[in-house]
Amino acid sequence: QEMRDAQSLNGDAKKAYEEKHDELQDLAQKYESLQIENEKLIDEVQAKEILEEALAEFEQTLTVTCESHEKALREKQEECKGLNEQLDRVTMELADFKDSCR
């Protein structure tokens, strides 16, 4: 009887060991999957940070370029204003000259 009880206990212990071993293997696989997922997420975060840096640099370049173009446009507008005033003066002088020639 004691032998059977010992064998039964031994069988129960072996079964419990196998169950725990299977659980441990499952956990190890889940851990490995989580590590892979974590590495992917880290890569995505790094890629996002690189992209955000590039976008910030691009935005800064656009800002500087736009400011430069706006300044050039204002200068050209002033130049055009001056040329229009000059054209108006010459047009009036020409009209006055025509009137004086009659």
N, C-alpha and C. Protein backbone atom coordinates (compact mmCIF):
# COMPACT_ATOMS: atom_id res chain seq x y z
N GLN A 1 0.83 -1.19 0.00
CA GLN A 1 0.00 0.00 0.00
C GLN A 1 0.87 1.25 0.00
N GLU A 2 1.89 1.22 0.85
CA GLU A 2 2.79 2.36 0.92
C GLU A 2 3.49 2.59 -0.41
N MET A 3 3.82 1.52 -1.08
CA MET A 3 4.48 1.60 -2.38
C MET A 3 3.55 2.28 -3.38
N ARG A 4 2.28 1.86 -3.36
CA ARG A 4 1.31 2.46 -4.28
C ARG A 4 1.10 3.93 -3.94
N ASP A 5 1.04 4.23 -2.67
CA ASP A 5 0.88 5.63 -2.25
C ASP A 5 2.08 6.46 -2.70
N ALA A 6 3.27 5.90 -2.56
CA ALA A 6 4.50 6.59 -2.97
C ALA A 6 4.50 6.78 -4.48
N GLN A 7 4.09 5.74 -5.22
CA GLN A 7 4.05 5.85 -6.68
C GLN A 7 3.00 6.87 -7.10
N SER A 8 1.88 6.89 -6.42
CA SER A 8 0.81 7.85 -6.71
C SER A 8 1.29 9.27 -6.47
N LEU A 9 1.97 9.46 -5.30
CA LEU A 9 2.53 10.78 -4.99
C LEU A 9 3.58 11.16 -6.02
N ASN A 10 4.41 10.20 -6.41
CA ASN A 10 5.44 10.44 -7.41
C ASN A 10 4.80 10.83 -8.74
N GLY A 11 3.72 10.12 -9.11
CA GLY A 11 3.01 10.44 -10.35
C GLY A 11 2.38 11.82 -10.29
N ASP A 12 1.77 12.14 -9.14
CA ASP A 12 1.16 13.47 -8.97
C ASP A 12 2.23 14.57 -9.05
N ALA A 13 3.36 14.32 -8.41
CA ALA A 13 4.46 15.30 -8.43
C ALA A 13 4.97 15.48 -9.85
N LYS A 14 5.11 14.36 -10.60
CA LYS A 14 5.59 14.43 -11.98
C LYS A 14 4.60 15.21 -12.84
N LYS A 15 3.31 14.95 -12.64
CA LYS A 15 2.27 15.64 -13.41
C LYS A 15 2.29 17.14 -13.09
N ALA A 16 2.42 17.49 -11.82
CA ALA A 16 2.48 18.89 -11.40
C ALA A 16 3.72 19.56 -11.99
N TYR A 17 4.84 18.83 -11.98
CA TYR A 17 6.09 19.35 -12.55
C TYR A 17 5.90 19.62 -14.04
N GLU A 18 5.28 18.68 -14.77
CA GLU A 18 5.08 18.85 -16.20
C GLU A 18 4.16 20.04 -16.49
N GLU A 19 3.11 20.20 -15.66
CA GLU A 19 2.20 21.33 -15.84
C GLU A 19 2.94 22.65 -15.63
N LYS A 20 3.74 22.69 -14.56
CA LYS A 20 4.52 23.91 -14.28
C LYS A 20 5.55 24.15 -15.38
N HIS A 21 6.14 23.10 -15.88
CA HIS A 21 7.12 23.20 -16.96
C HIS A 21 6.45 23.78 -18.22
N ASP A 22 5.25 23.28 -18.54
CA ASP A 22 4.50 23.79 -19.69
C ASP A 22 4.13 25.27 -19.50
N GLU A 23 3.70 25.60 -18.28
CA GLU A 23 3.37 27.00 -17.97
C GLU A 23 4.60 27.88 -18.15
N LEU A 24 5.73 27.38 -17.66
CA LEU A 24 6.97 28.14 -17.78
C LEU A 24 7.36 28.34 -19.24
N GLN A 25 7.19 27.32 -20.05
CA GLN A 25 7.49 27.45 -21.48
C GLN A 25 6.55 28.46 -22.14
N ASP A 26 5.28 28.42 -21.79
CA ASP A 26 4.32 29.39 -22.32
C ASP A 26 4.73 30.82 -21.93
N LEU A 27 5.09 30.96 -20.66
CA LEU A 27 5.51 32.29 -20.20
C LEU A 27 6.78 32.76 -20.91
N ALA A 28 7.70 31.82 -21.16
CA ALA A 28 8.93 32.18 -21.87
C ALA A 28 8.61 32.63 -23.29
N GLN A 29 7.67 31.95 -23.96
CA GLN A 29 7.28 32.35 -25.31
C GLN A 29 6.59 33.71 -25.31
N LYS A 30 5.72 33.93 -24.31
CA LYS A 30 5.05 35.23 -24.20
C LYS A 30 6.07 36.33 -23.94
N TYR A 31 7.04 36.05 -23.08
CA TYR A 31 8.09 37.02 -22.78
C TYR A 31 8.87 37.36 -24.04
N GLU A 32 9.21 36.35 -24.82
CA GLU A 32 9.96 36.57 -26.07
C GLU A 32 9.12 37.40 -27.05
N SER A 33 7.83 37.10 -27.15
CA SER A 33 6.94 37.87 -28.02
C SER A 33 6.86 39.32 -27.56
N LEU A 34 6.76 39.50 -26.25
CA LEU A 34 6.71 40.86 -25.71
C LEU A 34 8.00 41.62 -25.96
N GLN A 35 9.13 40.93 -25.86
CA GLN A 35 10.42 41.57 -26.14
C GLN A 35 10.47 42.03 -27.59
N ILE A 36 10.03 41.18 -28.51
CA ILE A 36 10.00 41.54 -29.94
C ILE A 36 9.08 42.74 -30.16
N GLU A 37 7.92 42.69 -29.55
CA GLU A 37 6.95 43.80 -29.67
C GLU A 37 7.55 45.09 -29.10
N ASN A 38 8.22 44.97 -27.97
CA ASN A 38 8.86 46.13 -27.34
C ASN A 38 9.93 46.73 -28.26
N GLU A 39 10.74 45.88 -28.88
CA GLU A 39 11.77 46.36 -29.79
C GLU A 39 11.14 47.08 -30.98
N LYS A 40 10.04 46.53 -31.50
CA LYS A 40 9.34 47.19 -32.61
C LYS A 40 8.84 48.56 -32.18
N LEU A 41 8.26 48.63 -30.98
CA LEU A 41 7.75 49.91 -30.49
C LEU A 41 8.88 50.92 -30.30
N ILE A 42 10.00 50.45 -29.78
CA ILE A 42 11.15 51.34 -29.61
C ILE A 42 11.62 51.86 -30.97
N ASP A 43 11.69 50.98 -31.96
CA ASP A 43 12.07 51.40 -33.31
C ASP A 43 11.09 52.42 -33.87
N GLU A 44 9.80 52.20 -33.64
CA GLU A 44 8.78 53.14 -34.13
C GLU A 44 8.93 54.49 -33.45
N VAL A 45 9.18 54.49 -32.15
CA VAL A 45 9.35 55.75 -31.42
C VAL A 45 10.59 56.49 -31.94
N GLN A 46 11.67 55.76 -32.16
CA GLN A 46 12.89 56.39 -32.68
C GLN A 46 12.65 56.95 -34.08
N ALA A 47 11.95 56.21 -34.91
CA ALA A 47 11.64 56.69 -36.26
C ALA A 47 10.77 57.94 -36.19
N LYS A 48 9.81 57.93 -35.27
CA LYS A 48 8.94 59.10 -35.10
C LYS A 48 9.76 60.32 -34.65
N GLU A 49 10.68 60.12 -33.73
CA GLU A 49 11.51 61.22 -33.24
C GLU A 49 12.38 61.78 -34.37
N ILE A 50 12.93 60.89 -35.19
CA ILE A 50 13.75 61.33 -36.33
C ILE A 50 12.89 62.12 -37.30
N LEU A 51 11.69 61.63 -37.57
CA LEU A 51 10.78 62.32 -38.48
C LEU A 51 10.38 63.69 -37.93
N GLU A 52 10.10 63.74 -36.63
CA GLU A 52 9.73 65.02 -36.02
C GLU A 52 10.88 66.02 -36.10
N GLU A 53 12.11 65.55 -35.91
CA GLU A 53 13.28 66.43 -36.05
C GLU A 53 13.40 66.95 -37.47
N ALA A 54 13.24 66.05 -38.44
CA ALA A 54 13.33 66.45 -39.85
C ALA A 54 12.24 67.45 -40.19
N LEU A 55 11.03 67.21 -39.69
CA LEU A 55 9.93 68.14 -39.94
C LEU A 55 10.19 69.50 -39.31
N ALA A 56 10.75 69.51 -38.12
CA ALA A 56 11.06 70.78 -37.45
C ALA A 56 12.12 71.55 -38.24
N GLU A 57 13.13 70.85 -38.73
CA GLU A 57 14.16 71.50 -39.54
C GLU A 57 13.56 72.04 -40.84
N PHE A 58 12.69 71.24 -41.47
CA PHE A 58 12.04 71.67 -42.70
C PHE A 58 11.17 72.89 -42.45
N GLU A 59 10.42 72.88 -41.34
CA GLU A 59 9.57 74.02 -40.99
C GLU A 59 10.41 75.28 -40.79
N GLN A 60 11.55 75.12 -40.11
CA GLN A 60 12.44 76.26 -39.88
C GLN A 60 12.97 76.79 -41.20
N THR A 61 13.35 75.89 -42.10
CA THR A 61 13.85 76.30 -43.42
C THR A 61 12.75 77.05 -44.18
N LEU A 62 11.52 76.51 -44.14
CA LEU A 62 10.41 77.18 -44.82
C LEU A 62 10.15 78.56 -44.23
N THR A 63 10.22 78.66 -42.91
CA THR A 63 9.99 79.95 -42.25
C THR A 63 11.02 80.97 -42.70
N VAL A 64 12.28 80.59 -42.70
CA VAL A 64 13.35 81.50 -43.12
C VAL A 64 13.18 81.88 -44.59
N THR A 65 12.86 80.90 -45.42
CA THR A 65 12.68 81.16 -46.85
C THR A 65 11.49 82.10 -47.08
N CYS A 66 10.38 81.84 -46.39
CA CYS A 66 9.20 82.70 -46.55
C CYS A 66 9.50 84.12 -46.09
N GLU A 67 10.18 84.26 -44.97
CA GLU A 67 10.53 85.60 -44.48
C GLU A 67 11.39 86.33 -45.49
N SER A 68 12.33 85.61 -46.07
CA SER A 68 13.20 86.19 -47.09
C SER A 68 12.41 86.61 -48.32
N HIS A 69 11.47 85.77 -48.76
CA HIS A 69 10.66 86.10 -49.93
C HIS A 69 9.72 87.26 -49.64
N GLU A 70 9.17 87.30 -48.43
CA GLU A 70 8.30 88.41 -48.05
C GLU A 70 9.06 89.73 -48.05
N LYS A 71 10.28 89.69 -47.56
CA LYS A 71 11.11 90.91 -47.56
C LYS A 71 11.40 91.35 -48.98
N ALA A 72 11.76 90.40 -49.85
CA ALA A 72 12.04 90.73 -51.25
C ALA A 72 10.78 91.28 -51.92
N LEU A 73 9.62 90.70 -51.62
CA LEU A 73 8.36 91.17 -52.19
C LEU A 73 8.08 92.61 -51.76
N ARG A 74 8.27 92.90 -50.47
CA ARG A 74 8.05 94.28 -49.98
C ARG A 74 8.98 95.26 -50.69
N GLU A 75 10.23 94.85 -50.88
CA GLU A 75 11.19 95.71 -51.58
C GLU A 75 10.74 95.96 -53.02
N LYS A 76 10.26 94.92 -53.71
CA LYS A 76 9.79 95.07 -55.09
C LYS A 76 8.53 95.93 -55.13
N GLN A 77 7.65 95.77 -54.13
CA GLN A 77 6.44 96.59 -54.08
C GLN A 77 6.80 98.07 -53.92
N GLU A 78 7.79 98.35 -53.07
CA GLU A 78 8.25 99.73 -52.90
C GLU A 78 8.86 100.25 -54.20
N GLU A 79 9.63 99.40 -54.85
CA GLU A 79 10.24 99.78 -56.13
C GLU A 79 9.15 100.08 -57.17
N CYS A 80 8.12 99.22 -57.22
CA CYS A 80 7.01 99.42 -58.16
C CYS A 80 6.25 100.71 -57.83
N LYS A 81 6.05 100.96 -56.54
CA LYS A 81 5.36 102.18 -56.13
C LYS A 81 6.13 103.41 -56.62
N GLY A 82 7.45 103.36 -56.41
CA GLY A 82 8.29 104.47 -56.88
C GLY A 82 8.23 104.62 -58.39
N LEU A 83 8.26 103.51 -59.12
CA LEU A 83 8.19 103.57 -60.58
C LEU A 83 6.83 104.07 -61.06
N ASN A 84 5.76 103.68 -60.38
CA ASN A 84 4.42 104.17 -60.72
C ASN A 84 4.32 105.68 -60.51
N GLU A 85 4.90 106.15 -59.39
CA GLU A 85 4.89 107.60 -59.13
C GLU A 85 5.67 108.33 -60.21
N GLN A 86 6.81 107.75 -60.58
CA GLN A 86 7.63 108.35 -61.63
C GLN A 86 6.86 108.36 -62.96
N LEU A 87 6.17 107.26 -63.28
CA LEU A 87 5.38 107.17 -64.50
C LEU A 87 4.26 108.21 -64.49
N ASP A 88 3.61 108.37 -63.35
CA ASP A 88 2.54 109.38 -63.24
C ASP A 88 3.10 110.78 -63.50
N ARG A 89 4.28 111.09 -62.93
CA ARG A 89 4.91 112.40 -63.14
C ARG A 89 5.24 112.62 -64.62
N VAL A 90 5.83 111.60 -65.24
CA VAL A 90 6.21 111.71 -66.65
C VAL A 90 4.96 111.85 -67.51
N THR A 91 3.90 111.10 -67.18
CA THR A 91 2.63 111.18 -67.93
C THR A 91 2.06 112.60 -67.82
N MET A 92 2.09 113.16 -66.61
CA MET A 92 1.59 114.53 -66.43
C MET A 92 2.45 115.53 -67.18
N GLU A 93 3.77 115.34 -67.10
CA GLU A 93 4.67 116.25 -67.81
C GLU A 93 4.42 116.17 -69.32
N LEU A 94 4.19 114.97 -69.83
CA LEU A 94 3.91 114.78 -71.25
C LEU A 94 2.59 115.45 -71.63
N ALA A 95 1.59 115.29 -70.76
CA ALA A 95 0.29 115.94 -71.03
C ALA A 95 0.46 117.46 -71.02
N ASP A 96 1.22 117.98 -70.05
CA ASP A 96 1.47 119.41 -69.98
C ASP A 96 2.21 119.89 -71.23
N PHE A 97 3.19 119.10 -71.67
CA PHE A 97 3.98 119.44 -72.86
C PHE A 97 3.09 119.49 -74.09
N LYS A 98 2.18 118.50 -74.20
CA LYS A 98 1.26 118.45 -75.35
C LYS A 98 0.36 119.69 -75.34
N ASP A 99 -0.13 120.05 -74.11
CA ASP A 99 -0.99 121.23 -74.00
C ASP A 99 -0.25 122.48 -74.38
N SER A 100 1.01 122.56 -74.02
CA SER A 100 1.79 123.77 -74.33
C SER A 100 2.15 123.85 -75.81
N CYS A 101 2.18 122.70 -76.49
CA CYS A 101 2.49 122.69 -77.93
C CYS A 101 1.27 123.10 -78.76
N ARG A 102 0.10 123.19 -78.24
CA ARG A 102 -1.10 123.54 -79.01
C ARG A 102 -1.27 124.99 -79.12
